[in-house]
């Protein structure tokens, strides 16, 4: 009887070990690093007119985007996406230091280093990130017909493009892919805008 119980326990232990090491469905480790498996598809933040500087509290905005701050940049998922914001035919600066808390010496896996529109994804785990997460970190509202406090209507229109092709729906749901060019364009329909379809990436980026 005792032998039977011991054998059953050993078999159960082996079964659990097999399931936890690959016999069962795999699970993303992203939540353990504070990174959601499914990124947010909306964006919350300021409803004001440009310019839109980087927020004062990067850590709070990262938390609003569902992301934890890191002690250093991750190197498992490392990609770059470029963002252009064009209002009334003129470029709006995408500021540096979005997602970077210099005082706390911490950094979000989603951030900017310079005022060039390059969004850096540097994550310690494989995960998908969205424009909605970035815009929330920027503290800037984004919907299908508005950016910040600029809302389409009357003579004004709002469109989102990925690699030169218009993307319908809420642009916050756009997933960030390596070397994609995202353009958010607001203004009168009669103002001609050359929507960028690509970005001149430096060698090695």
C-alpha atoms as a PDB file:
ATOM      1  CA  UNK A   1       0.000   0.000   0.000  1.00  0.00           C
ATOM      2  CA  UNK A   2       2.779   2.420   1.004  1.00  0.00           C
ATOM      3  CA  UNK A   3       4.743   1.447  -2.120  1.00  0.00           C
ATOM      4  CA  UNK A   4       1.715   2.212  -4.292  1.00  0.00           C
ATOM      5  CA  UNK A   5       1.332   5.657  -2.752  1.00  0.00           C
ATOM      6  CA  UNK A   6       5.024   6.454  -3.293  1.00  0.00           C
ATOM      7  CA  UNK A   7       4.896   5.300  -6.934  1.00  0.00           C
ATOM      8  CA  UNK A   8       1.774   7.368  -7.557  1.00  0.00           C
ATOM      9  CA  UNK A   9       3.451  10.425  -6.045  1.00  0.00           C
ATOM     10  CA  UNK A  10       6.539   9.948  -8.227  1.00  0.00           C
ATOM     11  CA  UNK A  11       4.421   9.621 -11.365  1.00  0.00           C
ATOM     12  CA  UNK A  12       2.436  12.732 -10.448  1.00  0.00           C
ATOM     13  CA  UNK A  13       5.656  14.642  -9.857  1.00  0.00           C
ATOM     14  CA  UNK A  14       7.067  13.593 -13.209  1.00  0.00           C
ATOM     15  CA  UNK A  15       3.845  14.582 -14.947  1.00  0.00           C
ATOM     16  CA  UNK A  16       3.925  18.057 -13.412  1.00  0.00           C
ATOM     17  CA  UNK A  17       7.591  18.442 -14.362  1.00  0.00           C
ATOM     18  CA  UNK A  18       6.905  17.488 -17.984  1.00  0.00           C
ATOM     19  CA  UNK A  19       3.977  19.892 -18.249  1.00  0.00           C
ATOM     20  CA  UNK A  20       5.969  22.740 -16.735  1.00  0.00           C
ATOM     21  CA  UNK A  21       8.985  22.219 -19.004  1.00  0.00           C
ATOM     22  CA  UNK A  22       7.342  22.039 -22.359  1.00  0.00           C
ATOM     23  CA  UNK A  23       4.742  19.308 -22.335  1.00  0.00           C
ATOM     24  CA  UNK A  24       1.949  21.820 -21.798  1.00  0.00           C
ATOM     25  CA  UNK A  25       1.059  25.080 -23.537  1.00  0.00           C
ATOM     26  CA  UNK A  26       3.819  27.685 -23.415  1.00  0.00           C
ATOM     27  CA  UNK A  27       3.248  30.930 -21.585  1.00  0.00           C
ATOM     28  CA  UNK A  28       4.872  34.292 -22.211  1.00  0.00           C
ATOM     29  CA  UNK A  29       7.201  35.514 -19.504  1.00  0.00           C
ATOM     30  CA  UNK A  30       6.222  39.094 -20.309  1.00  0.00           C
ATOM     31  CA  UNK A  31       3.939  39.589 -17.276  1.00  0.00           C
ATOM     32  CA  UNK A  32       6.816  38.638 -14.968  1.00  0.00           C
ATOM     33  CA  UNK A  33       8.776  41.561 -16.384  1.00  0.00           C
ATOM     34  CA  UNK A  34       5.819  43.924 -16.019  1.00  0.00           C
ATOM     35  CA  UNK A  35       5.101  43.870 -19.736  1.00  0.00           C
ATOM     36  CA  UNK A  36       1.605  42.858 -20.882  1.00  0.00           C
ATOM     37  CA  UNK A  37       1.306  40.023 -23.370  1.00  0.00           C
ATOM     38  CA  UNK A  38      -1.352  42.030 -25.241  1.00  0.00           C
ATOM     39  CA  UNK A  39      -0.573  45.754 -25.516  1.00  0.00           C
ATOM     40  CA  UNK A  40      -3.213  48.401 -24.907  1.00  0.00           C
ATOM     41  CA  UNK A  41      -5.056  49.546 -28.014  1.00  0.00           C
ATOM     42  CA  UNK A  42      -6.128  52.938 -26.695  1.00  0.00           C
ATOM     43  CA  UNK A  43      -4.219  55.974 -25.498  1.00  0.00           C
ATOM     44  CA  UNK A  44      -4.911  58.425 -22.687  1.00  0.00           C
ATOM     45  CA  UNK A  45      -3.349  61.758 -21.871  1.00  0.00           C
ATOM     46  CA  UNK A  46      -3.463  65.469 -22.562  1.00  0.00           C
ATOM     47  CA  UNK A  47      -6.190  66.960 -24.719  1.00  0.00           C
ATOM     48  CA  UNK A  48      -4.310  70.126 -25.567  1.00  0.00           C
ATOM     49  CA  UNK A  49      -2.841  71.695 -28.691  1.00  0.00           C
ATOM     50  CA  UNK A  50       0.825  71.281 -29.668  1.00  0.00           C
ATOM     51  CA  UNK A  51       3.605  71.579 -28.776  1.00  0.00           C
ATOM     52  CA  UNK A  52       3.538  68.492 -26.568  1.00  0.00           C
ATOM     53  CA  UNK A  53       6.686  68.276 -24.431  1.00  0.00           C
ATOM     54  CA  UNK A  54       7.782  65.108 -22.683  1.00  0.00           C
ATOM     55  CA  UNK A  55       5.835  64.609 -19.435  1.00  0.00           C
ATOM     56  CA  UNK A  56       7.477  65.511 -16.132  1.00  0.00           C
ATOM     57  CA  UNK A  57       6.817  62.123 -14.509  1.00  0.00           C
ATOM     58  CA  UNK A  58       7.969  59.439 -16.941  1.00  0.00           C
ATOM     59  CA  UNK A  59       7.470  56.659 -14.402  1.00  0.00           C
ATOM     60  CA  UNK A  60       3.832  57.596 -13.811  1.00  0.00           C
ATOM     61  CA  UNK A  61       3.129  57.695 -17.525  1.00  0.00           C
ATOM     62  CA  UNK A  62       4.811  54.313 -18.049  1.00  0.00           C
ATOM     63  CA  UNK A  63       2.557  52.916 -15.336  1.00  0.00           C
ATOM     64  CA  UNK A  64      -0.467  54.425 -17.114  1.00  0.00           C
ATOM     65  CA  UNK A  65       0.677  52.543 -20.228  1.00  0.00           C
ATOM     66  CA  UNK A  66       0.841  49.298 -18.236  1.00  0.00           C
ATOM     67  CA  UNK A  67       4.643  49.168 -18.246  1.00  0.00           C
ATOM     68  CA  UNK A  68       7.180  48.881 -15.447  1.00  0.00           C
ATOM     69  CA  UNK A  69      10.362  50.921 -15.412  1.00  0.00           C
ATOM     70  CA  UNK A  70      13.676  49.065 -15.725  1.00  0.00           C
ATOM     71  CA  UNK A  71      17.097  49.641 -14.248  1.00  0.00           C
ATOM     72  CA  UNK A  72      18.620  49.285 -17.703  1.00  0.00           C
ATOM     73  CA  UNK A  73      17.563  48.820 -21.313  1.00  0.00           C
ATOM     74  CA  UNK A  74      16.432  45.339 -22.245  1.00  0.00           C
ATOM     75  CA  UNK A  75      18.148  43.468 -25.067  1.00  0.00           C
ATOM     76  CA  UNK A  76      15.832  40.560 -25.874  1.00  0.00           C
ATOM     77  CA  UNK A  77      13.393  42.561 -28.025  1.00  0.00           C
ATOM     78  CA  UNK A  78      15.252  45.441 -29.685  1.00  0.00           C
ATOM     79  CA  UNK A  79      13.563  47.252 -32.563  1.00  0.00           C
ATOM     80  CA  UNK A  80      12.989  50.814 -33.760  1.00  0.00           C
ATOM     81  CA  UNK A  81       9.922  52.480 -35.240  1.00  0.00           C
ATOM     82  CA  UNK A  82       9.724  56.029 -36.591  1.00  0.00           C
ATOM     83  CA  UNK A  83       6.838  58.389 -35.818  1.00  0.00           C
ATOM     84  CA  UNK A  84       5.952  61.574 -37.680  1.00  0.00           C
ATOM     85  CA  UNK A  85       3.250  63.888 -36.350  1.00  0.00           C
ATOM     86  CA  UNK A  86       2.102  66.518 -38.832  1.00  0.00           C
ATOM     87  CA  UNK A  87      -0.363  69.269 -37.900  1.00  0.00           C
ATOM     88  CA  UNK A  88      -1.592  71.774 -40.469  1.00  0.00           C
ATOM     89  CA  UNK A  89       1.191  70.743 -42.815  1.00  0.00           C
ATOM     90  CA  UNK A  90       3.983  71.252 -40.255  1.00  0.00           C
ATOM     91  CA  UNK A  91       5.965  68.695 -38.298  1.00  0.00           C
ATOM     92  CA  UNK A  92       5.377  68.492 -34.563  1.00  0.00           C
ATOM     93  CA  UNK A  93       8.368  67.520 -32.441  1.00  0.00           C
ATOM     94  CA  UNK A  94       8.277  64.085 -30.870  1.00  0.00           C
ATOM     95  CA  UNK A  95      10.362  64.934 -27.806  1.00  0.00           C
ATOM     96  CA  UNK A  96      13.336  63.158 -26.333  1.00  0.00           C
ATOM     97  CA  UNK A  97      13.174  61.367 -22.976  1.00  0.00           C
ATOM     98  CA  UNK A  98       9.687  59.948 -23.289  1.00  0.00           C
ATOM     99  CA  UNK A  99       9.783  56.897 -21.022  1.00  0.00           C
ATOM    100  CA  UNK A 100      13.041  57.926 -19.330  1.00  0.00           C
ATOM    101  CA  UNK A 101      13.095  58.932 -15.658  1.00  0.00           C
ATOM    102  CA  UNK A 102      16.485  60.556 -15.163  1.00  0.00           C
ATOM    103  CA  UNK A 103      15.897  61.338 -11.481  1.00  0.00           C
ATOM    104  CA  UNK A 104      15.103  57.714 -10.638  1.00  0.00           C
ATOM    105  CA  UNK A 105      17.642  56.450 -13.195  1.00  0.00           C
ATOM    106  CA  UNK A 106      15.069  54.156 -14.731  1.00  0.00           C
ATOM    107  CA  UNK A 107      13.845  53.564 -18.244  1.00  0.00           C
ATOM    108  CA  UNK A 108      10.750  52.103 -19.859  1.00  0.00           C
ATOM    109  CA  UNK A 109      11.164  49.358 -22.469  1.00  0.00           C
ATOM    110  CA  UNK A 110       9.440  51.874 -24.759  1.00  0.00           C
ATOM    111  CA  UNK A 111      11.200  55.236 -25.012  1.00  0.00           C
ATOM    112  CA  UNK A 112      12.851  58.005 -27.048  1.00  0.00           C
ATOM    113  CA  UNK A 113      16.400  59.303 -26.785  1.00  0.00           C
ATOM    114  CA  UNK A 114      16.322  62.241 -29.204  1.00  0.00           C
ATOM    115  CA  UNK A 115      13.909  64.640 -30.906  1.00  0.00           C
ATOM    116  CA  UNK A 116      13.973  62.654 -34.133  1.00  0.00           C
ATOM    117  CA  UNK A 117      10.777  60.603 -33.865  1.00  0.00           C
ATOM    118  CA  UNK A 118      12.605  57.312 -33.352  1.00  0.00           C
ATOM    119  CA  UNK A 119      10.771  55.090 -30.870  1.00  0.00           C
ATOM    120  CA  UNK A 120      13.060  52.578 -29.188  1.00  0.00           C
ATOM    121  CA  UNK A 121      11.712  49.217 -28.082  1.00  0.00           C
ATOM    122  CA  UNK A 122      14.294  47.656 -25.776  1.00  0.00           C
ATOM    123  CA  UNK A 123      12.607  44.955 -23.758  1.00  0.00           C
ATOM    124  CA  UNK A 124      13.974  42.192 -21.512  1.00  0.00           C
ATOM    125  CA  UNK A 125      11.363  39.788 -22.931  1.00  0.00           C
ATOM    126  CA  UNK A 126       9.755  39.153 -26.279  1.00  0.00           C
ATOM    127  CA  UNK A 127       6.554  41.172 -26.447  1.00  0.00           C
ATOM    128  CA  UNK A 128       4.411  43.273 -28.749  1.00  0.00           C
ATOM    129  CA  UNK A 129       4.149  47.004 -28.152  1.00  0.00           C
ATOM    130  CA  UNK A 130       1.615  49.485 -29.501  1.00  0.00           C
ATOM    131  CA  UNK A 131       1.416  53.118 -30.493  1.00  0.00           C
ATOM    132  CA  UNK A 132      -1.227  53.494 -27.784  1.00  0.00           C
ATOM    133  CA  UNK A 133       1.315  52.566 -25.122  1.00  0.00           C
ATOM    134  CA  UNK A 134       3.789  55.080 -26.500  1.00  0.00           C
ATOM    135  CA  UNK A 135       1.239  57.884 -26.772  1.00  0.00           C
ATOM    136  CA  UNK A 136       0.103  57.209 -23.207  1.00  0.00           C
ATOM    137  CA  UNK A 137       3.727  57.463 -22.091  1.00  0.00           C
ATOM    138  CA  UNK A 138       3.874  60.737 -24.021  1.00  0.00           C
ATOM    139  CA  UNK A 139       0.748  61.778 -22.067  1.00  0.00           C
ATOM    140  CA  UNK A 140      -1.132  62.421 -25.286  1.00  0.00           C
ATOM    141  CA  UNK A 141      -4.675  61.301 -26.052  1.00  0.00           C
ATOM    142  CA  UNK A 142      -5.214  59.512 -29.366  1.00  0.00           C
ATOM    143  CA  UNK A 143      -8.435  58.297 -30.953  1.00  0.00           C
ATOM    144  CA  UNK A 144      -9.683  57.499 -34.436  1.00  0.00           C
ATOM    145  CA  UNK A 145     -10.511  61.170 -35.036  1.00  0.00           C
ATOM    146  CA  UNK A 146      -8.289  63.127 -32.662  1.00  0.00           C
ATOM    147  CA  UNK A 147      -4.806  63.674 -31.312  1.00  0.00           C
ATOM    148  CA  UNK A 148      -4.389  65.657 -28.120  1.00  0.00           C
ATOM    149  CA  UNK A 149      -6.966  68.440 -28.235  1.00  0.00           C
ATOM    150  CA  UNK A 150      -7.185  68.433 -32.045  1.00  0.00           C
ATOM    151  CA  UNK A 151     -10.382  66.784 -33.234  1.00  0.00           C
ATOM    152  CA  UNK A 152     -11.433  66.168 -36.824  1.00  0.00           C
ATOM    153  CA  UNK A 153     -14.538  67.968 -38.009  1.00  0.00           C
ATOM    154  CA  UNK A 154     -15.490  70.838 -40.259  1.00  0.00           C
ATOM    155  CA  UNK A 155     -12.515  71.510 -42.514  1.00  0.00           C
ATOM    156  CA  UNK A 156     -10.111  69.393 -40.515  1.00  0.00           C
ATOM    157  CA  UNK A 157      -9.331  65.712 -41.030  1.00  0.00           C
ATOM    158  CA  UNK A 158      -7.214  63.221 -39.110  1.00  0.00           C
ATOM    159  CA  UNK A 159      -5.494  60.263 -40.749  1.00  0.00           C
ATOM    160  CA  UNK A 160      -2.940  57.650 -39.722  1.00  0.00           C
ATOM    161  CA  UNK A 161      -0.513  55.961 -42.082  1.00  0.00           C
ATOM    162  CA  UNK A 162       1.910  53.052 -41.807  1.00  0.00           C
ATOM    163  CA  UNK A 163       4.633  52.972 -44.449  1.00  0.00           C
ATOM    164  CA  UNK A 164       2.620  55.408 -46.566  1.00  0.00           C
ATOM    165  CA  UNK A 165      -0.623  53.416 -46.482  1.00  0.00           C
ATOM    166  CA  UNK A 166      -3.620  54.752 -44.587  1.00  0.00           C
ATOM    167  CA  UNK A 167      -4.584  52.756 -41.513  1.00  0.00           C
ATOM    168  CA  UNK A 168      -8.276  52.987 -40.577  1.00  0.00           C
ATOM    169  CA  UNK A 169      -9.599  52.825 -37.029  1.00  0.00           C
ATOM    170  CA  UNK A 170      -7.918  54.004 -33.857  1.00  0.00           C
ATOM    171  CA  UNK A 171      -4.195  54.415 -34.570  1.00  0.00           C
ATOM    172  CA  UNK A 172      -3.502  53.609 -30.919  1.00  0.00           C
ATOM    173  CA  UNK A 173      -3.947  49.953 -31.896  1.00  0.00           C
ATOM    174  CA  UNK A 174      -1.063  50.087 -34.399  1.00  0.00           C
ATOM    175  CA  UNK A 175       1.632  47.633 -33.361  1.00  0.00           C
ATOM    176  CA  UNK A 176       5.224  48.857 -33.413  1.00  0.00           C
ATOM    177  CA  UNK A 177       7.277  46.917 -35.958  1.00  0.00           C
ATOM    178  CA  UNK A 178      10.936  47.209 -36.795  1.00  0.00           C
ATOM    179  CA  UNK A 179      11.688  50.074 -39.200  1.00  0.00           C
ATOM    180  CA  UNK A 180       8.020  50.912 -39.792  1.00  0.00           C
ATOM    181  CA  UNK A 181       7.190  54.532 -40.544  1.00  0.00           C
ATOM    182  CA  UNK A 182       4.047  55.766 -38.766  1.00  0.00           C
ATOM    183  CA  UNK A 183       2.572  59.149 -39.669  1.00  0.00           C
ATOM    184  CA  UNK A 184      -0.267  60.919 -37.855  1.00  0.00           C
ATOM    185  CA  UNK A 185      -1.624  63.762 -39.976  1.00  0.00           C
ATOM    186  CA  UNK A 186      -4.115  66.399 -38.837  1.00  0.00           C
ATOM    187  CA  UNK A 187      -5.365  69.472 -40.673  1.00  0.00           C
ATOM    188  CA  UNK A 188      -7.487  70.846 -43.512  1.00  0.00           C
ATOM    189  CA  UNK A 189      -8.016  68.534 -46.460  1.00  0.00           C
ATOM    190  CA  UNK A 190      -6.801  71.234 -48.859  1.00  0.00           C
ATOM    191  CA  UNK A 191      -3.384  71.459 -47.190  1.00  0.00           C
ATOM    192  CA  UNK A 192      -1.066  69.231 -49.189  1.00  0.00           C
ATOM    193  CA  UNK A 193       1.034  66.874 -47.080  1.00  0.00           C
ATOM    194  CA  UNK A 194       3.681  64.566 -48.446  1.00  0.00           C
ATOM    195  CA  UNK A 195       3.026  61.599 -46.199  1.00  0.00           C
ATOM    196  CA  UNK A 196       6.341  59.832 -45.532  1.00  0.00           C
ATOM    197  CA  UNK A 197       6.398  56.170 -46.497  1.00  0.00           C
ATOM    198  CA  UNK A 198       9.801  55.384 -44.986  1.00  0.00           C
ATOM    199  CA  UNK A 199      12.533  56.736 -42.763  1.00  0.00           C
ATOM    200  CA  UNK A 200      16.212  57.049 -43.582  1.00  0.00           C
ATOM    201  CA  UNK A 201      17.572  54.766 -40.909  1.00  0.00           C
ATOM    202  CA  UNK A 202      21.221  55.194 -39.920  1.00  0.00           C
ATOM    203  CA  UNK A 203      23.410  52.216 -40.645  1.00  0.00           C
ATOM    204  CA  UNK A 204      23.164  49.647 -37.887  1.00  0.00           C
ATOM    205  CA  UNK A 205      19.836  50.858 -36.525  1.00  0.00           C
END
